[in-house]
Amino acid sequence: MAVLVTGGSGYVGLNVVQALAAAGREVVSFDRLPQPAVAAQAFASLPGRVEQVRGELRDRDALARAIAHRPCEAIIHTAAITSGPAREATDPCPVFEVNVLGTIGVLEAARDAGVRRVVITSSGAAYGESLYRPGLMREDDTPVLPTTLYATSKYTAERAARRLAELWSLEVACARLGTLVGPWERDGSAHAGGVRDNFGPHSQLAALAVRGGEAVLPVAESTRDWVYAPDVGRGLVALAEAPALGHFAYNLSAGIDWTGDVAAWCDELARRFPRFSWRHARDGESPTVHYTDRARSNMDVSRLEQDTGFRALRERPAIHAAFGEWVEWHGAAWWAAAD
């Protein structure tokens, strides 16, 4: 049977589709946008079969047709609006319509179609102000104090899903994702129809490196609870395929100290792309690479490891090597297509 991936043409969704196809699974990718040609070409050589079904998440009939397109045993729900301050100030309603009502619609469709399990992607951002306190974020012990509309919508969707899973006897798992680093990220501000307002520093640097530019970094480093994007794809698949799950919420991240990683990534890119250079901003100079937030604490990932056996990459040189190889193979075509 197939696995349906909502938002299959987005950043998280593409990594999930790739993980499923690499494992030889049948995949139905549901998205309002077509799968990017660069990704489709890369996935064509994988052993699994990927079918695309176009549709809007808020269109219940389109979602039902996608599930009926091929019998599905699981849904991995990645579709979301990852909103920034500007979008939240000017157009807040779609953030909740997609992230909350869209999630409820996925659960209704799963119930009606008899889907075995639904895996919902939430975000570590749901911890909100707790992320800036010392110590690890734990699923049931750390206060959830969302501040942005995006974080609030993701946590609201979590609570709604937990309740509906009880009422409808659905198998539902919710993954709070760390901040992704790696393949298939686009600059949402430049991509037509984009629903992702963030563009991480690692991808900013990689896109600059393939063009042979110079990066000017902020003097102060701002680290996140980063995780290699393909590991997020594999981790979500592990939740979908686990024989049984003992919990509802799971942190999905690398769980390592990333201090100094942006500079180390710059060095990796400079080795691979000789025309690329980098430095820190001088006094009064504006950086060309931007970080999105204050430094965050890490999430405890032991629950996911214990329940599924999945473990994300924790060796930063291995992550840099894997992402660097992807940038060499696909980066120029990928970011050229996104411009």
C-alpha atoms as a PDB file:
ATOM      1  CA  MET A   1       0.000   0.000   0.000  1.00  0.00           C
ATOM      2  CA  ALA A   2       1.021   3.601  -0.558  1.00  0.00           C
ATOM      3  CA  VAL A   3       1.908   6.446   1.773  1.00  0.00           C
ATOM      4  CA  LEU A   4       0.303   9.826   1.092  1.00  0.00           C
ATOM      5  CA  VAL A   5       2.510  12.874   1.706  1.00  0.00           C
ATOM      6  CA  THR A   6       0.699  16.198   1.951  1.00  0.00           C
ATOM      7  CA  GLY A   7       2.828  19.152   0.936  1.00  0.00           C
ATOM      8  CA  GLY A   8       4.939  16.742  -1.088  1.00  0.00           C
ATOM      9  CA  SER A   9       6.502  19.546  -3.152  1.00  0.00           C
ATOM     10  CA  GLY A  10       7.646  21.534  -0.108  1.00  0.00           C
ATOM     11  CA  TYR A  11      10.879  21.466   1.866  1.00  0.00           C
ATOM     12  CA  VAL A  12       9.926  18.830   4.421  1.00  0.00           C
ATOM     13  CA  GLY A  13       7.677  16.986   1.972  1.00  0.00           C
ATOM     14  CA  LEU A  14      10.382  16.495  -0.642  1.00  0.00           C
ATOM     15  CA  ASN A  15      12.671  14.947   1.951  1.00  0.00           C
ATOM     16  CA  VAL A  16       9.864  12.608   3.045  1.00  0.00           C
ATOM     17  CA  VAL A  17       9.055  11.625  -0.537  1.00  0.00           C
ATOM     18  CA  GLN A  18      12.726  10.931  -1.178  1.00  0.00           C
ATOM     19  CA  ALA A  19      13.047   8.798   1.960  1.00  0.00           C
ATOM     20  CA  LEU A  20       9.994   6.739   1.015  1.00  0.00           C
ATOM     21  CA  ALA A  21      11.070   6.302  -2.604  1.00  0.00           C
ATOM     22  CA  ALA A  22      14.594   5.333  -1.516  1.00  0.00           C
ATOM     23  CA  ALA A  23      13.029   2.622   0.652  1.00  0.00           C
ATOM     24  CA  GLY A  24      11.096   1.267  -2.349  1.00  0.00           C
ATOM     25  CA  ARG A  25       7.696   2.507  -1.189  1.00  0.00           C
ATOM     26  CA  GLU A  26       4.752   3.665  -3.273  1.00  0.00           C
ATOM     27  CA  VAL A  27       4.208   7.373  -2.673  1.00  0.00           C
ATOM     28  CA  VAL A  28       1.320   9.699  -3.461  1.00  0.00           C
ATOM     29  CA  SER A  29       2.560  13.274  -3.294  1.00  0.00           C
ATOM     30  CA  PHE A  30      -0.297  15.735  -2.741  1.00  0.00           C
ATOM     31  CA  ASP A  31       0.409  19.427  -3.274  1.00  0.00           C
ATOM     32  CA  ARG A  32      -1.097  22.415  -5.042  1.00  0.00           C
ATOM     33  CA  LEU A  33       2.246  22.923  -6.810  1.00  0.00           C
ATOM     34  CA  PRO A  34       3.929  20.412  -9.110  1.00  0.00           C
ATOM     35  CA  GLN A  35       6.973  18.557  -7.933  1.00  0.00           C
ATOM     36  CA  PRO A  36      10.028  20.600  -8.968  1.00  0.00           C
ATOM     37  CA  ALA A  37      11.727  19.175 -12.055  1.00  0.00           C
ATOM     38  CA  VAL A  38      15.112  18.929 -10.329  1.00  0.00           C
ATOM     39  CA  ALA A  39      13.615  16.800  -7.549  1.00  0.00           C
ATOM     40  CA  ALA A  40      11.529  14.681  -9.921  1.00  0.00           C
ATOM     41  CA  GLN A  41      14.619  13.879 -11.940  1.00  0.00           C
ATOM     42  CA  ALA A  42      16.559  12.934  -8.810  1.00  0.00           C
ATOM     43  CA  PHE A  43      13.739  10.708  -7.531  1.00  0.00           C
ATOM     44  CA  ALA A  44      13.265   8.926 -10.862  1.00  0.00           C
ATOM     45  CA  SER A  45      16.287   6.700 -10.223  1.00  0.00           C
ATOM     46  CA  LEU A  46      15.039   5.545  -6.806  1.00  0.00           C
ATOM     47  CA  PRO A  47      13.378   2.125  -6.428  1.00  0.00           C
ATOM     48  CA  GLY A  48      10.032   3.447  -5.187  1.00  0.00           C
ATOM     49  CA  ARG A  49       7.185   4.816  -7.276  1.00  0.00           C
ATOM     50  CA  VAL A  50       6.123   8.441  -6.846  1.00  0.00           C
ATOM     51  CA  GLU A  51       2.797   9.717  -8.179  1.00  0.00           C
ATOM     52  CA  GLN A  52       1.748  13.335  -8.002  1.00  0.00           C
ATOM     53  CA  VAL A  53      -1.786  14.495  -7.292  1.00  0.00           C
ATOM     54  CA  ARG A  54      -2.402  18.232  -7.494  1.00  0.00           C
ATOM     55  CA  GLY A  55      -4.791  19.851  -5.080  1.00  0.00           C
ATOM     56  CA  GLU A  56      -5.300  22.439  -2.359  1.00  0.00           C
ATOM     57  CA  LEU A  57      -5.161  21.161   1.234  1.00  0.00           C
ATOM     58  CA  ARG A  58      -8.294  23.069   2.198  1.00  0.00           C
ATOM     59  CA  ASP A  59     -10.249  21.372  -0.607  1.00  0.00           C
ATOM     60  CA  ARG A  60     -11.706  18.334   1.183  1.00  0.00           C
ATOM     61  CA  ASP A  61     -12.835  16.699  -2.066  1.00  0.00           C
ATOM     62  CA  ALA A  62      -9.357  17.010  -3.594  1.00  0.00           C
ATOM     63  CA  LEU A  63      -7.809  15.480  -0.486  1.00  0.00           C
ATOM     64  CA  ALA A  64     -10.288  12.594  -0.544  1.00  0.00           C
ATOM     65  CA  ARG A  65      -9.484  11.973  -4.216  1.00  0.00           C
ATOM     66  CA  ALA A  66      -5.772  11.892  -3.433  1.00  0.00           C
ATOM     67  CA  ILE A  67      -6.292   9.241  -0.762  1.00  0.00           C
ATOM     68  CA  ALA A  68      -8.560   7.252  -3.071  1.00  0.00           C
ATOM     69  CA  HIS A  69      -6.045   7.519  -5.921  1.00  0.00           C
ATOM     70  CA  ARG A  70      -4.135   4.590  -4.458  1.00  0.00           C
ATOM     71  CA  PRO A  71      -4.973   2.679  -1.242  1.00  0.00           C
ATOM     72  CA  CYS A  72      -2.981   4.359   1.532  1.00  0.00           C
ATOM     73  CA  GLU A  73      -1.905   2.806   4.797  1.00  0.00           C
ATOM     74  CA  ALA A  74      -0.437   6.005   6.217  1.00  0.00           C
ATOM     75  CA  ILE A  75      -0.445   9.767   5.732  1.00  0.00           C
ATOM     76  CA  ILE A  76       2.561  11.943   6.519  1.00  0.00           C
ATOM     77  CA  HIS A  77       1.160  15.444   6.790  1.00  0.00           C
ATOM     78  CA  THR A  78       3.802  18.086   6.044  1.00  0.00           C
ATOM     79  CA  ALA A  79       1.733  20.782   4.310  1.00  0.00           C
ATOM     80  CA  ALA A  80       1.903  24.066   6.204  1.00  0.00           C
ATOM     81  CA  ILE A  81       2.414  27.787   5.931  1.00  0.00           C
ATOM     82  CA  THR A  82       5.708  28.549   7.662  1.00  0.00           C
ATOM     83  CA  SER A  83       4.962  32.187   8.247  1.00  0.00           C
ATOM     84  CA  GLY A  84       7.246  35.051   9.151  1.00  0.00           C
ATOM     85  CA  PRO A  85       6.376  38.361  10.832  1.00  0.00           C
ATOM     86  CA  ALA A  86       5.435  40.181   7.611  1.00  0.00           C
ATOM     87  CA  ARG A  87       2.931  37.545   6.514  1.00  0.00           C
ATOM     88  CA  GLU A  88       1.496  37.262  10.018  1.00  0.00           C
ATOM     89  CA  ALA A  89       0.961  41.022  10.165  1.00  0.00           C
ATOM     90  CA  THR A  90      -0.700  41.335   6.768  1.00  0.00           C
ATOM     91  CA  ASP A  91      -2.420  37.998   6.080  1.00  0.00           C
ATOM     92  CA  PRO A  92      -2.883  35.970   9.274  1.00  0.00           C
ATOM     93  CA  CYS A  93      -6.028  33.995   8.463  1.00  0.00           C
ATOM     94  CA  PRO A  94      -4.529  31.544   5.941  1.00  0.00           C
ATOM     95  CA  VAL A  95      -1.880  30.555   8.499  1.00  0.00           C
ATOM     96  CA  PHE A  96      -4.573  29.108  10.750  1.00  0.00           C
ATOM     97  CA  GLU A  97      -6.764  27.900   7.902  1.00  0.00           C
ATOM     98  CA  VAL A  98      -3.949  25.747   6.504  1.00  0.00           C
ATOM     99  CA  ASN A  99      -2.080  24.785   9.649  1.00  0.00           C
ATOM    100  CA  VAL A 100      -5.071  24.076  11.900  1.00  0.00           C
ATOM    101  CA  LEU A 101      -8.150  23.484   9.745  1.00  0.00           C
ATOM    102  CA  GLY A 102      -6.039  21.760   7.121  1.00  0.00           C
ATOM    103  CA  THR A 103      -4.766  19.322   9.740  1.00  0.00           C
ATOM    104  CA  ILE A 104      -8.294  18.599  10.896  1.00  0.00           C
ATOM    105  CA  GLY A 105      -9.275  17.963   7.289  1.00  0.00           C
ATOM    106  CA  VAL A 106      -6.438  15.459   6.885  1.00  0.00           C
ATOM    107  CA  LEU A 107      -7.603  13.596   9.989  1.00  0.00           C
ATOM    108  CA  GLU A 108     -11.203  13.546   8.757  1.00  0.00           C
ATOM    109  CA  ALA A 109     -10.084  12.177   5.395  1.00  0.00           C
ATOM    110  CA  ALA A 110      -7.938   9.535   7.118  1.00  0.00           C
ATOM    111  CA  ARG A 111     -10.864   8.474   9.299  1.00  0.00           C
ATOM    112  CA  ASP A 112     -13.227   8.213   6.348  1.00  0.00           C
ATOM    113  CA  ALA A 113     -10.733   6.217   4.266  1.00  0.00           C
ATOM    114  CA  GLY A 114      -9.655   3.866   7.055  1.00  0.00           C
ATOM    115  CA  VAL A 115      -6.003   4.951   6.964  1.00  0.00           C
ATOM    116  CA  ARG A 116      -3.940   3.093   9.550  1.00  0.00           C
ATOM    117  CA  ARG A 117      -1.765   5.948  10.860  1.00  0.00           C
ATOM    118  CA  VAL A 118      -1.312   9.686  10.440  1.00  0.00           C
ATOM    119  CA  VAL A 119       1.991  11.416  11.208  1.00  0.00           C
ATOM    120  CA  ILE A 120       1.656  15.176  11.667  1.00  0.00           C
ATOM    121  CA  THR A 121       4.584  17.555  11.429  1.00  0.00           C
ATOM    122  CA  SER A 122       4.608  20.162  14.146  1.00  0.00           C
ATOM    123  CA  SER A 123       7.564  22.331  15.103  1.00  0.00           C
ATOM    124  CA  GLY A 124       9.991  22.875  17.923  1.00  0.00           C
ATOM    125  CA  ALA A 125       8.827  26.483  17.626  1.00  0.00           C
ATOM    126  CA  ALA A 126       5.760  25.390  19.608  1.00  0.00           C
ATOM    127  CA  TYR A 127       7.914  25.467  22.760  1.00  0.00           C
ATOM    128  CA  GLY A 128       8.117  29.235  22.241  1.00  0.00           C
ATOM    129  CA  GLU A 129       9.799  31.094  25.075  1.00  0.00           C
ATOM    130  CA  SER A 130      10.931  27.831  26.652  1.00  0.00           C
ATOM    131  CA  LEU A 131      13.419  27.446  23.788  1.00  0.00           C
ATOM    132  CA  TYR A 132      15.455  30.308  25.206  1.00  0.00           C
ATOM    133  CA  ARG A 133      15.808  28.789  28.665  1.00  0.00           C
ATOM    134  CA  PRO A 134      18.643  26.454  29.695  1.00  0.00           C
ATOM    135  CA  GLY A 135      18.105  22.705  29.447  1.00  0.00           C
ATOM    136  CA  LEU A 136      16.641  20.230  27.004  1.00  0.00           C
ATOM    137  CA  MET A 137      13.095  20.568  25.684  1.00  0.00           C
ATOM    138  CA  ARG A 138      11.078  17.468  26.659  1.00  0.00           C
ATOM    139  CA  GLU A 139       7.733  16.590  25.108  1.00  0.00           C
ATOM    140  CA  ASP A 140       5.654  16.308  28.287  1.00  0.00           C
ATOM    141  CA  ASP A 141       7.706  18.256  30.835  1.00  0.00           C
ATOM    142  CA  THR A 142       8.701  21.511  29.142  1.00  0.00           C
ATOM    143  CA  PRO A 143       6.121  24.329  29.191  1.00  0.00           C
ATOM    144  CA  VAL A 144       4.755  25.043  25.711  1.00  0.00           C
ATOM    145  CA  LEU A 145       4.684  28.823  25.342  1.00  0.00           C
ATOM    146  CA  PRO A 146       4.270  29.695  21.644  1.00  0.00           C
ATOM    147  CA  THR A 147       4.660  33.344  20.726  1.00  0.00           C
ATOM    148  CA  THR A 148       4.341  33.664  16.923  1.00  0.00           C
ATOM    149  CA  LEU A 149       1.192  32.905  14.961  1.00  0.00           C
ATOM    150  CA  TYR A 150       3.027  30.069  13.235  1.00  0.00           C
ATOM    151  CA  ALA A 151       4.038  28.447  16.520  1.00  0.00           C
ATOM    152  CA  THR A 152       0.566  28.977  17.975  1.00  0.00           C
ATOM    153  CA  SER A 153      -1.066  27.408  14.930  1.00  0.00           C
ATOM    154  CA  LYS A 154       1.211  24.364  15.094  1.00  0.00           C
ATOM    155  CA  TYR A 155       0.496  23.764  18.771  1.00  0.00           C
ATOM    156  CA  THR A 156      -3.232  24.316  18.231  1.00  0.00           C
ATOM    157  CA  ALA A 157      -3.126  21.704  15.480  1.00  0.00           C
ATOM    158  CA  GLU A 158      -1.345  19.335  17.880  1.00  0.00           C
ATOM    159  CA  ARG A 159      -4.024  19.685  20.526  1.00  0.00           C
ATOM    160  CA  ALA A 160      -6.838  19.288  18.012  1.00  0.00           C
ATOM    161  CA  ALA A 161      -5.187  16.174  16.566  1.00  0.00           C
ATOM    162  CA  ARG A 162      -4.702  14.626  19.992  1.00  0.00           C
ATOM    163  CA  ARG A 163      -8.376  15.097  20.827  1.00  0.00           C
ATOM    164  CA  LEU A 164      -9.671  13.863  17.473  1.00  0.00           C
ATOM    165  CA  ALA A 165      -7.399  10.827  17.630  1.00  0.00           C
ATOM    166  CA  GLU A 166      -9.121   9.893  20.891  1.00  0.00           C
ATOM    167  CA  LEU A 167     -12.626  10.557  19.588  1.00  0.00           C
ATOM    168  CA  TRP A 168     -12.120   8.749  16.294  1.00  0.00           C
ATOM    169  CA  SER A 169      -9.757   5.974  17.471  1.00  0.00           C
ATOM    170  CA  LEU A 170      -7.050   7.046  15.037  1.00  0.00           C
ATOM    171  CA  GLU A 171      -3.350   6.219  15.298  1.00  0.00           C
ATOM    172  CA  VAL A 172      -1.731   9.658  15.261  1.00  0.00           C
ATOM    173  CA  ALA A 173       1.844  10.707  15.987  1.00  0.00           C
ATOM    174  CA  CYS A 174       3.022  14.301  16.080  1.00  0.00           C
ATOM    175  CA  ALA A 175       6.657  15.229  15.369  1.00  0.00           C
ATOM    176  CA  ARG A 176       8.066  18.502  16.652  1.00  0.00           C
ATOM    177  CA  LEU A 177      10.787  19.211  14.138  1.00  0.00           C
ATOM    178  CA  GLY A 178      14.071  20.947  14.726  1.00  0.00           C
ATOM    179  CA  THR A 179      15.222  23.520  12.188  1.00  0.00           C
ATOM    180  CA  LEU A 180      16.062  21.747   8.949  1.00  0.00           C
ATOM    181  CA  VAL A 181      19.443  22.069   7.244  1.00  0.00           C
ATOM    182  CA  GLY A 182      19.983  20.428   3.893  1.00  0.00           C
ATOM    183  CA  PRO A 183      18.550  19.540   0.478  1.00  0.00           C
ATOM    184  CA  TRP A 184      15.437  21.001  -1.137  1.00  0.00           C
ATOM    185  CA  GLU A 185      15.110  24.332   0.687  1.00  0.00           C
ATOM    186  CA  ARG A 186      13.978  27.281  -1.419  1.00  0.00           C
ATOM    187  CA  ASP A 187      13.861  30.972  -0.642  1.00  0.00           C
ATOM    188  CA  GLY A 188      10.154  31.411  -0.013  1.00  0.00           C
ATOM    189  CA  SER A 189      10.334  35.148  -0.582  1.00  0.00           C
ATOM    190  CA  ALA A 190      11.607  34.540  -4.123  1.00  0.00           C
ATOM    191  CA  HIS A 191       9.529  31.500  -5.025  1.00  0.00           C
ATOM    192  CA  ALA A 192       6.184  32.219  -6.638  1.00  0.00           C
ATOM    193  CA  GLY A 193       3.356  30.928  -4.512  1.00  0.00           C
ATOM    194  CA  GLY A 194       5.726  30.038  -1.707  1.00  0.00           C
ATOM    195  CA  VAL A 195       4.375  29.275   1.749  1.00  0.00           C
ATOM    196  CA  ARG A 196       7.730  29.184   3.536  1.00  0.00           C
ATOM    197  CA  ASP A 197       8.980  32.594   4.637  1.00  0.00           C
ATOM    198  CA  ASN A 198      12.265  31.374   6.115  1.00  0.00           C
ATOM    199  CA  PHE A 199      15.485  30.640   4.232  1.00  0.00           C
ATOM    200  CA  GLY A 200      18.077  29.158   6.570  1.00  0.00           C
ATOM    201  CA  PRO A 201      21.672  30.405   6.723  1.00  0.00           C
ATOM    202  CA  HIS A 202      23.114  27.099   5.504  1.00  0.00           C
ATOM    203  CA  SER A 203      21.001  27.276   2.341  1.00  0.00           C
ATOM    204  CA  GLN A 204      21.697  30.988   1.898  1.00  0.00           C
ATOM    205  CA  LEU A 205      25.399  30.172   1.959  1.00  0.00           C
ATOM    206  CA  ALA A 206      25.089  27.182  -0.361  1.00  0.00           C
ATOM    207  CA  ALA A 207      23.113  29.192  -2.931  1.00  0.00           C
ATOM    208  CA  LEU A 208      25.781  31.894  -2.764  1.00  0.00           C
ATOM    209  CA  ALA A 209      28.610  29.371  -3.069  1.00  0.00           C
ATOM    210  CA  VAL A 210      27.337  27.863  -6.322  1.00  0.00           C
ATOM    211  CA  ARG A 211      27.294  31.380  -7.783  1.00  0.00           C
ATOM    212  CA  GLY A 212      30.825  32.090  -6.582  1.00  0.00           C
ATOM    213  CA  GLY A 213      29.988  35.011  -4.298  1.00  0.00           C
ATOM    214  CA  GLU A 214      31.284  36.344  -1.009  1.00  0.00           C
ATOM    215  CA  ALA A 215      29.340  35.807   2.221  1.00  0.00           C
ATOM    216  CA  VAL A 216      29.422  38.401   4.975  1.00  0.00           C
ATOM    217  CA  LEU A 217      28.302  36.857   8.268  1.00  0.00           C
ATOM    218  CA  PRO A 218      26.986  38.606  11.359  1.00  0.00           C
ATOM    219  CA  VAL A 219      29.631  38.937  14.047  1.00  0.00           C
ATOM    220  CA  ALA A 220      27.408  37.258  16.631  1.00  0.00           C
ATOM    221  CA  GLU A 221      26.538  33.623  15.974  1.00  0.00           C
ATOM    222  CA  SER A 222      22.951  32.468  16.443  1.00  0.00           C
ATOM    223  CA  THR A 223      22.603  28.682  16.684  1.00  0.00           C
ATOM    224  CA  ARG A 224      19.441  26.626  16.388  1.00  0.00           C
ATOM    225  CA  ASP A 225      18.452  23.046  17.127  1.00  0.00           C
ATOM    226  CA  TRP A 226      19.345  22.109  13.567  1.00  0.00           C
ATOM    227  CA  VAL A 227      18.808  18.698  11.980  1.00  0.00           C
ATOM    228  CA  TYR A 228      19.820  17.315   8.602  1.00  0.00           C
ATOM    229  CA  ALA A 229      16.761  17.503   6.333  1.00  0.00           C
ATOM    230  CA  PRO A 230      16.974  13.938   4.930  1.00  0.00           C
ATOM    231  CA  ASP A 231      17.033  12.711   8.525  1.00  0.00           C
ATOM    232  CA  VAL A 232      13.721  14.467   9.097  1.00  0.00           C
ATOM    233  CA  GLY A 233      12.347  12.584   6.113  1.00  0.00           C
ATOM    234  CA  ARG A 234      13.613   9.260   7.446  1.00  0.00           C
ATOM    235  CA  GLY A 235      12.452  10.041  10.982  1.00  0.00           C
ATOM    236  CA  LEU A 236       8.905  10.781   9.841  1.00  0.00           C
ATOM    237  CA  VAL A 237       8.887   7.560   7.844  1.00  0.00           C
ATOM    238  CA  ALA A 238      10.068   5.698  10.954  1.00  0.00           C
ATOM    239  CA  LEU A 239       7.066   7.078  12.858  1.00  0.00           C
ATOM    240  CA  ALA A 240       4.733   6.043  10.046  1.00  0.00           C
ATOM    241  CA  GLU A 241       6.131   2.513   9.893  1.00  0.00           C
ATOM    242  CA  ALA A 242       6.786   1.687  13.561  1.00  0.00           C
ATOM    243  CA  PRO A 243       4.778  -1.393  14.639  1.00  0.00           C
ATOM    244  CA  ALA A 244       3.452   0.484  17.657  1.00  0.00           C
ATOM    245  CA  LEU A 245       3.906   3.880  19.252  1.00  0.00           C
ATOM    246  CA  GLY A 246       3.871   4.576  22.937  1.00  0.00           C
ATOM    247  CA  HIS A 247       3.363   8.326  22.744  1.00  0.00           C
ATOM    248  CA  PHE A 248       1.628  11.054  20.787  1.00  0.00           C
ATOM    249  CA  ALA A 249       4.333  13.766  20.610  1.00  0.00           C
ATOM    250  CA  TYR A 250       7.951  13.242  19.540  1.00  0.00           C
ATOM    251  CA  ASN A 251      10.856  15.633  19.183  1.00  0.00           C
ATOM    252  CA  LEU A 252      12.669  15.036  15.883  1.00  0.00           C
ATOM    253  CA  SER A 253      16.066  16.671  15.729  1.00  0.00           C
ATOM    254  CA  ALA A 254      19.768  15.897  15.983  1.00  0.00           C
ATOM    255  CA  GLY A 255      20.130  16.785  19.644  1.00  0.00           C
ATOM    256  CA  ILE A 256      23.722  18.053  19.339  1.00  0.00           C
ATOM    257  CA  ASP A 257      25.660  21.242  20.063  1.00  0.00           C
ATOM    258  CA  TRP A 258      25.888  23.269  16.845  1.00  0.00           C
ATOM    259  CA  THR A 259      28.158  26.035  18.162  1.00  0.00           C
ATOM    260  CA  GLY A 260      30.417  27.294  15.386  1.00  0.00           C
ATOM    261  CA  ASP A 261      28.602  25.368  12.688  1.00  0.00           C
ATOM    262  CA  VAL A 262      27.913  28.218  10.262  1.00  0.00           C
ATOM    263  CA  ALA A 263      31.621  29.042  10.006  1.00  0.00           C
ATOM    264  CA  ALA A 264      32.463  25.332   9.629  1.00  0.00           C
ATOM    265  CA  TRP A 265      29.886  25.061   6.837  1.00  0.00           C
ATOM    266  CA  CYS A 266      31.458  28.072   5.129  1.00  0.00           C
ATOM    267  CA  ASP A 267      34.820  26.293   5.199  1.00  0.00           C
ATOM    268  CA  GLU A 268      33.234  23.170   3.687  1.00  0.00           C
ATOM    269  CA  LEU A 269      31.706  25.207   0.877  1.00  0.00           C
ATOM    270  CA  ALA A 270      34.980  27.052   0.227  1.00  0.00           C
ATOM    271  CA  ARG A 271      36.750  23.710  -0.256  1.00  0.00           C
ATOM    272  CA  ARG A 272      34.165  22.620  -2.803  1.00  0.00           C
ATOM    273  CA  PHE A 273      33.641  25.963  -4.578  1.00  0.00           C
ATOM    274  CA  PRO A 274      36.939  27.845  -4.966  1.00  0.00           C
ATOM    275  CA  ARG A 275      35.212  31.055  -6.138  1.00  0.00           C
ATOM    276  CA  PHE A 276      33.282  31.268  -2.856  1.00  0.00           C
ATOM    277  CA  SER A 277      34.654  33.237   0.102  1.00  0.00           C
ATOM    278  CA  TRP A 278      33.356  34.344   3.462  1.00  0.00           C
ATOM    279  CA  ARG A 279      34.145  36.651   6.352  1.00  0.00           C
ATOM    280  CA  HIS A 280      32.486  38.382   9.281  1.00  0.00           C
ATOM    281  CA  ALA A 281      31.013  41.843   8.920  1.00  0.00           C
ATOM    282  CA  ARG A 282      33.248  44.768   9.741  1.00  0.00           C
ATOM    283  CA  ASP A 283      32.176  47.592  12.058  1.00  0.00           C
ATOM    284  CA  GLY A 284      29.138  49.296  10.566  1.00  0.00           C
ATOM    285  CA  GLU A 285      28.836  46.796   7.709  1.00  0.00           C
ATOM    286  CA  SER A 286      25.584  44.966   6.999  1.00  0.00           C
ATOM    287  CA  PRO A 287      25.781  41.146   6.727  1.00  0.00           C
ATOM    288  CA  THR A 288      24.656  39.456   3.531  1.00  0.00           C
ATOM    289  CA  VAL A 289      23.646  36.270   5.384  1.00  0.00           C
ATOM    290  CA  HIS A 290      20.911  36.536   7.976  1.00  0.00           C
ATOM    291  CA  TYR A 291      19.889  34.497  10.981  1.00  0.00           C
ATOM    292  CA  THR A 292      16.242  34.450  11.932  1.00  0.00           C
ATOM    293  CA  ASP A 293      16.211  34.265  15.711  1.00  0.00           C
ATOM    294  CA  ARG A 294      18.000  34.175  19.029  1.00  0.00           C
ATOM    295  CA  ALA A 295      19.994  31.088  19.879  1.00  0.00           C
ATOM    296  CA  ARG A 296      17.778  28.203  20.947  1.00  0.00           C
ATOM    297  CA  SER A 297      18.224  25.297  23.341  1.00  0.00           C
ATOM    298  CA  ASN A 298      18.088  21.718  22.083  1.00  0.00           C
ATOM    299  CA  MET A 299      15.239  19.231  22.167  1.00  0.00           C
ATOM    300  CA  ASP A 300      15.543  15.863  23.880  1.00  0.00           C
ATOM    301  CA  VAL A 301      15.281  13.203  21.142  1.00  0.00           C
ATOM    302  CA  SER A 302      15.502  10.088  23.323  1.00  0.00           C
ATOM    303  CA  ARG A 303      11.766   9.273  23.091  1.00  0.00           C
ATOM    304  CA  LEU A 304      11.866   8.951  19.306  1.00  0.00           C
ATOM    305  CA  GLU A 305      14.993   6.788  19.454  1.00  0.00           C
ATOM    306  CA  GLN A 306      13.496   4.489  22.084  1.00  0.00           C
ATOM    307  CA  ASP A 307      10.141   4.023  20.329  1.00  0.00           C
ATOM    308  CA  THR A 308      11.352   3.690  16.727  1.00  0.00           C
ATOM    309  CA  GLY A 309      15.082   2.986  16.814  1.00  0.00           C
ATOM    310  CA  PHE A 310      15.655   5.998  14.548  1.00  0.00           C
ATOM    311  CA  ARG A 311      18.717   8.147  15.203  1.00  0.00           C
ATOM    312  CA  ALA A 312      19.549  11.283  13.240  1.00  0.00           C
ATOM    313  CA  LEU A 313      23.084  12.052  12.108  1.00  0.00           C
ATOM    314  CA  ARG A 314      25.043  13.701  14.911  1.00  0.00           C
ATOM    315  CA  GLU A 315      28.463  14.036  13.337  1.00  0.00           C
ATOM    316  CA  ARG A 316      28.671  17.522  11.861  1.00  0.00           C
ATOM    317  CA  PRO A 317      31.475  16.694   9.381  1.00  0.00           C
ATOM    318  CA  ALA A 318      29.292  13.883   8.008  1.00  0.00           C
ATOM    319  CA  ILE A 319      26.326  16.249   7.678  1.00  0.00           C
ATOM    320  CA  HIS A 320      28.481  18.850   5.927  1.00  0.00           C
ATOM    321  CA  ALA A 321      29.911  16.240   3.569  1.00  0.00           C
ATOM    322  CA  ALA A 322      26.478  14.880   2.655  1.00  0.00           C
ATOM    323  CA  PHE A 323      24.927  18.314   2.128  1.00  0.00           C
ATOM    324  CA  GLY A 324      28.025  19.560   0.306  1.00  0.00           C
ATOM    325  CA  GLU A 325      27.823  16.662  -2.123  1.00  0.00           C
ATOM    326  CA  TRP A 326      24.152  17.437  -2.781  1.00  0.00           C
ATOM    327  CA  VAL A 327      24.983  21.087  -3.408  1.00  0.00           C
ATOM    328  CA  GLU A 328      27.647  20.058  -5.933  1.00  0.00           C
ATOM    329  CA  TRP A 329      25.244  17.744  -7.764  1.00  0.00           C
ATOM    330  CA  HIS A 330      21.983  19.693  -7.623  1.00  0.00           C
ATOM    331  CA  GLY A 331      22.535  23.137  -6.087  1.00  0.00           C
ATOM    332  CA  ALA A 332      23.078  25.219  -9.210  1.00  0.00           C
ATOM    333  CA  ALA A 333      20.023  23.797 -10.989  1.00  0.00           C
ATOM    334  CA  TRP A 334      17.917  23.858  -7.826  1.00  0.00           C
ATOM    335  CA  TRP A 335      18.396  27.479  -6.883  1.00  0.00           C
ATOM    336  CA  ALA A 336      18.376  28.641 -10.494  1.00  0.00           C
ATOM    337  CA  ALA A 337      14.932  27.044 -10.850  1.00  0.00           C
ATOM    338  CA  ALA A 338      13.738  28.716  -7.640  1.00  0.00           C
ATOM    339  CA  ASP A 339      14.775  32.219  -8.705  1.00  0.00           C
END
